[in-house]
N, C-alpha and C. Protein backbone atom coordinates (compact mmCIF):
# COMPACT_ATOMS: atom_id res chain seq x y z
N MET A 1 -4.86 -5.21 5.07
CA MET A 1 -4.46 -6.58 5.49
C MET A 1 -4.25 -7.47 4.32
N THR A 2 -5.37 -7.52 3.62
CA THR A 2 -5.60 -8.63 2.51
C THR A 2 -4.48 -8.48 1.62
N GLU A 3 -4.09 -7.18 1.27
CA GLU A 3 -3.28 -6.88 0.21
C GLU A 3 -1.73 -7.06 0.76
N ALA A 4 -1.38 -6.93 1.96
CA ALA A 4 -0.24 -7.27 2.66
C ALA A 4 0.04 -8.69 2.69
N ALA A 5 -0.91 -9.38 3.02
CA ALA A 5 -0.73 -10.96 3.15
C ALA A 5 -0.63 -11.39 1.67
N SER A 6 -1.28 -10.91 0.88
CA SER A 6 -1.04 -11.42 -0.52
C SER A 6 0.40 -11.17 -1.15
N ALA A 7 0.89 -9.94 -0.80
CA ALA A 7 2.31 -9.64 -1.13
C ALA A 7 3.13 -10.52 -0.50
N LEU A 8 2.94 -10.92 0.80
CA LEU A 8 3.84 -11.75 1.39
C LEU A 8 3.81 -13.18 0.94
N ARG A 9 2.62 -13.50 0.42
CA ARG A 9 2.55 -14.90 -0.33
C ARG A 9 3.36 -14.99 -1.59
N ARG A 10 3.26 -13.85 -2.45
CA ARG A 10 3.85 -13.94 -3.61
C ARG A 10 5.50 -13.96 -3.32
N LYS A 11 5.96 -13.39 -2.17
CA LYS A 11 7.49 -13.32 -1.93
C LYS A 11 7.82 -14.61 -1.63
N VAL A 12 6.99 -15.31 -0.77
CA VAL A 12 7.27 -16.70 -0.42
C VAL A 12 7.15 -17.66 -1.81
N ALA A 13 6.21 -17.32 -2.49
CA ALA A 13 6.03 -18.13 -3.91
C ALA A 13 7.35 -17.99 -4.87
N ASP A 14 7.78 -16.72 -4.79
CA ASP A 14 8.94 -16.28 -5.69
C ASP A 14 10.36 -16.88 -4.95
N GLY A 15 10.25 -17.31 -3.79
CA GLY A 15 11.38 -17.71 -3.00
C GLY A 15 12.35 -16.63 -2.41
N ALA A 16 11.74 -15.47 -2.43
CA ALA A 16 12.35 -14.18 -2.03
C ALA A 16 12.52 -14.16 -0.31
N ILE A 17 11.38 -14.91 0.42
CA ILE A 17 11.37 -15.02 1.75
C ILE A 17 10.98 -16.30 2.20
N ASP A 18 11.04 -16.78 3.43
CA ASP A 18 10.88 -17.75 4.03
C ASP A 18 9.61 -17.85 4.57
N PRO A 19 8.47 -18.90 4.53
CA PRO A 19 7.20 -18.88 5.12
C PRO A 19 7.22 -18.39 6.63
N ALA A 20 8.16 -18.64 7.40
CA ALA A 20 8.34 -18.16 8.72
C ALA A 20 8.36 -16.68 8.64
N VAL A 21 9.38 -16.08 7.80
CA VAL A 21 9.40 -14.64 7.72
C VAL A 21 8.12 -14.05 7.41
N ALA A 22 7.35 -14.63 6.47
CA ALA A 22 6.18 -14.12 5.93
C ALA A 22 5.24 -14.14 7.16
N GLY A 23 5.15 -15.32 7.99
CA GLY A 23 4.24 -15.07 9.10
C GLY A 23 4.78 -13.94 10.22
N GLN A 24 6.04 -13.85 10.43
CA GLN A 24 6.51 -12.90 11.29
C GLN A 24 6.25 -11.37 10.90
N SER A 25 6.24 -11.45 9.48
CA SER A 25 6.05 -9.96 8.90
C SER A 25 4.49 -9.52 9.02
N LEU A 26 3.67 -10.59 8.99
CA LEU A 26 2.40 -10.23 9.13
C LEU A 26 1.97 -10.06 10.46
N ASP A 27 2.58 -10.86 11.44
CA ASP A 27 2.35 -10.65 12.84
C ASP A 27 2.88 -9.22 13.20
N ALA A 28 3.96 -8.71 12.71
CA ALA A 28 4.50 -7.36 13.09
C ALA A 28 3.47 -6.34 12.51
N LEU A 29 2.96 -6.56 11.42
CA LEU A 29 1.87 -5.46 10.93
C LEU A 29 0.61 -5.70 11.84
N LEU A 30 0.26 -6.55 12.06
CA LEU A 30 -1.02 -6.59 12.83
C LEU A 30 -0.83 -6.15 14.48
N GLN A 31 0.42 -6.22 14.68
CA GLN A 31 0.63 -5.58 16.08
C GLN A 31 0.75 -4.23 15.86
N ALA A 32 1.30 -3.74 14.92
CA ALA A 32 1.44 -2.09 14.46
C ALA A 32 0.02 -1.72 14.38
N VAL A 33 -0.75 -2.37 13.97
CA VAL A 33 -2.38 -2.08 13.71
C VAL A 33 -2.86 -1.87 15.22
N ALA A 34 -2.71 -3.06 16.02
CA ALA A 34 -3.01 -2.92 17.49
C ALA A 34 -2.58 -1.94 18.41
N ASP A 35 -1.26 -1.38 17.95
CA ASP A 35 -0.62 -0.39 18.66
C ASP A 35 -0.91 0.86 18.29
N GLY A 36 -1.72 1.09 17.22
CA GLY A 36 -2.09 2.40 16.74
C GLY A 36 -1.04 2.92 15.73
N VAL A 37 0.11 2.34 15.44
CA VAL A 37 1.21 2.85 14.54
C VAL A 37 0.50 2.85 13.32
N ILE A 38 -0.19 1.73 12.64
CA ILE A 38 -0.84 1.71 11.49
C ILE A 38 -2.46 1.80 11.80
N ARG A 39 -3.09 2.81 11.04
CA ARG A 39 -4.44 2.87 11.30
C ARG A 39 -5.18 2.33 9.85
N LEU A 40 -6.00 1.65 10.13
CA LEU A 40 -6.72 0.92 8.70
C LEU A 40 -8.11 1.84 8.68
N VAL A 41 -8.43 2.05 7.27
CA VAL A 41 -9.64 2.72 6.79
C VAL A 41 -10.33 2.06 6.10
N ASP A 42 -11.64 2.19 6.23
CA ASP A 42 -12.46 1.41 5.26
C ASP A 42 -12.57 1.88 3.96
N ASP A 43 -12.56 1.13 2.87
CA ASP A 43 -12.54 1.57 1.47
C ASP A 43 -13.52 2.60 1.10
N GLU A 44 -14.78 2.43 1.76
CA GLU A 44 -15.90 3.22 1.60
C GLU A 44 -15.70 4.56 1.77
N ARG A 45 -15.02 4.77 2.64
CA ARG A 45 -14.65 6.29 3.18
C ARG A 45 -13.82 7.04 2.08
N ILE A 46 -13.15 6.41 1.16
CA ILE A 46 -12.29 7.16 0.22
C ILE A 46 -12.38 6.70 -1.30
N ILE A 47 -13.42 5.72 -1.34
CA ILE A 47 -13.59 5.15 -2.94
C ILE A 47 -13.90 5.98 -4.01
N ALA A 48 -14.83 7.15 -3.63
CA ALA A 48 -15.02 7.95 -4.61
C ALA A 48 -14.01 8.86 -5.21
N GLN A 49 -13.06 9.31 -4.34
CA GLN A 49 -11.86 10.05 -4.67
C GLN A 49 -10.80 9.08 -5.46
N ALA A 50 -10.93 7.92 -4.91
CA ALA A 50 -10.01 6.98 -5.69
C ALA A 50 -10.31 6.66 -7.24
N LEU A 51 -11.64 6.74 -7.37
CA LEU A 51 -12.11 6.44 -8.56
C LEU A 51 -12.03 7.57 -9.58
N LEU A 52 -12.07 8.93 -9.00
CA LEU A 52 -11.70 10.18 -9.73
C LEU A 52 -10.22 10.12 -10.17
N LEU A 53 -9.34 9.72 -9.24
CA LEU A 53 -7.87 9.54 -9.26
C LEU A 53 -7.67 8.80 -10.46
N ALA A 54 -7.91 7.49 -10.42
CA ALA A 54 -7.82 6.52 -11.33
C ALA A 54 -8.33 6.99 -12.59
N ILE A 55 -9.49 7.56 -12.86
CA ILE A 55 -9.74 8.05 -14.08
C ILE A 55 -8.98 9.04 -14.67
N SER A 56 -8.51 10.18 -13.84
CA SER A 56 -7.70 11.24 -14.34
C SER A 56 -6.28 10.86 -14.63
N LEU A 57 -5.77 9.94 -13.80
CA LEU A 57 -4.41 9.50 -13.85
C LEU A 57 -4.24 8.24 -14.82
N GLN A 58 -5.46 7.56 -15.19
CA GLN A 58 -5.43 6.27 -16.06
C GLN A 58 -4.46 5.22 -15.28
N HIS A 59 -5.01 5.15 -14.05
CA HIS A 59 -4.14 3.81 -13.24
C HIS A 59 -5.29 3.27 -12.62
N LYS A 60 -4.63 2.19 -11.88
CA LYS A 60 -5.52 1.03 -11.09
C LYS A 60 -6.18 1.61 -9.75
N VAL A 61 -7.41 1.51 -9.73
CA VAL A 61 -8.34 1.82 -8.79
C VAL A 61 -7.56 1.46 -7.22
N PRO A 62 -7.20 0.19 -6.88
CA PRO A 62 -6.47 -0.20 -5.95
C PRO A 62 -5.61 0.70 -5.33
N ASP A 63 -4.53 1.00 -6.21
CA ASP A 63 -3.52 2.07 -6.01
C ASP A 63 -4.05 3.45 -5.56
N CYS A 64 -5.02 3.83 -6.56
CA CYS A 64 -5.30 5.18 -6.25
C CYS A 64 -6.28 5.16 -4.94
N VAL A 65 -6.68 4.25 -4.38
CA VAL A 65 -7.19 4.13 -3.06
C VAL A 65 -6.16 4.61 -2.00
N TYR A 66 -4.93 4.03 -2.05
CA TYR A 66 -3.83 4.16 -1.28
C TYR A 66 -3.38 5.78 -1.57
N LEU A 67 -3.53 6.27 -2.72
CA LEU A 67 -3.08 7.57 -3.11
C LEU A 67 -3.95 8.52 -2.52
N ALA A 68 -5.38 8.25 -2.83
CA ALA A 68 -6.12 9.20 -2.21
C ALA A 68 -6.18 9.38 -0.57
N LEU A 69 -5.94 8.26 -0.02
CA LEU A 69 -5.94 8.28 1.50
C LEU A 69 -4.62 8.97 1.97
N ALA A 70 -3.58 8.78 1.08
CA ALA A 70 -2.49 9.61 1.57
C ALA A 70 -2.51 11.10 1.40
N GLU A 71 -3.15 11.28 0.33
CA GLU A 71 -3.47 12.82 0.04
C GLU A 71 -4.32 13.53 1.21
N ARG A 72 -5.47 12.66 1.45
CA ARG A 72 -6.50 13.20 2.58
C ARG A 72 -5.86 13.38 3.78
N GLU A 73 -4.79 12.26 4.19
CA GLU A 73 -4.31 12.19 5.59
C GLU A 73 -2.97 12.88 5.70
N GLY A 74 -2.55 13.34 4.60
CA GLY A 74 -1.14 13.83 4.66
C GLY A 74 -0.18 13.01 5.10
N ALA A 75 -0.35 11.73 4.45
CA ALA A 75 0.79 10.59 4.83
C ALA A 75 1.43 10.10 3.77
N SER A 76 2.33 9.24 4.00
CA SER A 76 3.18 8.70 2.95
C SER A 76 2.69 7.26 2.61
N ILE A 77 3.17 6.99 1.19
CA ILE A 77 2.89 5.37 0.88
C ILE A 77 4.14 4.64 0.61
N ALA A 78 4.05 3.34 0.89
CA ALA A 78 5.09 2.57 0.49
C ALA A 78 4.82 1.57 -0.60
N THR A 79 5.65 1.75 -1.45
CA THR A 79 5.18 0.83 -2.74
C THR A 79 6.58 0.26 -3.36
N ALA A 80 6.53 -0.69 -4.22
CA ALA A 80 7.58 -1.06 -5.18
C ALA A 80 7.24 -0.96 -6.54
N ASP A 81 6.07 -0.26 -6.79
CA ASP A 81 5.65 0.05 -8.14
C ASP A 81 6.00 1.31 -8.64
N ASP A 82 6.74 1.17 -9.81
CA ASP A 82 7.61 2.32 -10.40
C ASP A 82 6.51 3.53 -10.76
N ARG A 83 5.51 3.08 -11.46
CA ARG A 83 4.41 4.01 -11.79
C ARG A 83 3.72 4.72 -10.81
N LEU A 84 3.21 3.88 -9.74
CA LEU A 84 2.72 4.56 -8.67
C LEU A 84 3.55 5.40 -8.11
N THR A 85 4.84 5.15 -7.84
CA THR A 85 5.85 6.05 -7.10
C THR A 85 5.90 7.48 -7.91
N ARG A 86 5.93 7.35 -9.25
CA ARG A 86 5.87 8.81 -10.14
C ARG A 86 4.64 9.32 -9.90
N LEU A 87 3.48 8.79 -10.12
CA LEU A 87 2.14 9.52 -9.83
C LEU A 87 2.30 10.17 -8.48
N ALA A 88 2.44 9.40 -7.45
CA ALA A 88 2.50 9.90 -6.12
C ALA A 88 3.27 11.03 -5.93
N ARG A 89 4.68 10.91 -6.28
CA ARG A 89 5.61 12.00 -6.24
C ARG A 89 5.29 13.38 -7.12
N ARG A 90 4.43 12.98 -8.21
CA ARG A 90 4.24 14.15 -9.05
C ARG A 90 3.00 14.87 -8.11
N ARG A 91 2.22 14.10 -7.30
CA ARG A 91 1.08 14.95 -6.60
C ARG A 91 1.46 15.34 -5.20
N GLY A 92 2.68 15.07 -4.92
CA GLY A 92 3.53 15.66 -3.68
C GLY A 92 3.27 14.71 -2.40
N VAL A 93 2.99 13.50 -2.76
CA VAL A 93 2.93 12.35 -1.70
C VAL A 93 4.37 11.73 -1.52
N THR A 94 4.75 11.57 -0.49
CA THR A 94 6.14 11.12 -0.09
C THR A 94 5.82 9.55 -0.22
N VAL A 95 6.89 9.05 -0.96
CA VAL A 95 6.99 7.41 -1.41
C VAL A 95 8.07 6.87 -0.44
N HIS A 96 7.86 5.60 0.14
CA HIS A 96 8.94 5.11 0.69
C HIS A 96 8.98 3.66 -0.39
N ARG A 97 10.25 3.59 -1.04
CA ARG A 97 10.25 2.61 -2.02
C ARG A 97 10.52 1.22 -1.18
N VAL A 98 9.67 0.08 -1.68
CA VAL A 98 9.99 -1.16 -1.08
C VAL A 98 10.84 -1.95 -2.29
N PRO A 99 11.86 -2.74 -1.89
CA PRO A 99 12.62 -3.57 -2.85
C PRO A 99 11.59 -4.34 -3.49
N HIS A 100 11.92 -4.69 -4.88
CA HIS A 100 11.21 -5.64 -5.80
C HIS A 100 11.31 -7.09 -5.20
N GLY A 101 12.74 -7.54 -5.03
CA GLY A 101 13.06 -8.81 -4.92
C GLY A 101 13.48 -9.13 -3.53
């Protein structure tokens, strides 16, 4: 949720979305968690695999946390990051692209 809130703040700072929309978006995410649509996982449960991926793929650990979790759960990821998209797709993970702007 911290990273989602940070991304929303960046969108507001860039003028891409209104602060009220950012608040509504975060509320929708929190509701999805409460409804069980989105499941949160403690980093500690996946960090060792994420580190191994980060080393082998020469990529950032935070992104590899998402990648490791998607692989473990058979889930997809949503990202605007082109490099993460390529890495995930090469590993057979479905990617939902998020617009940059």
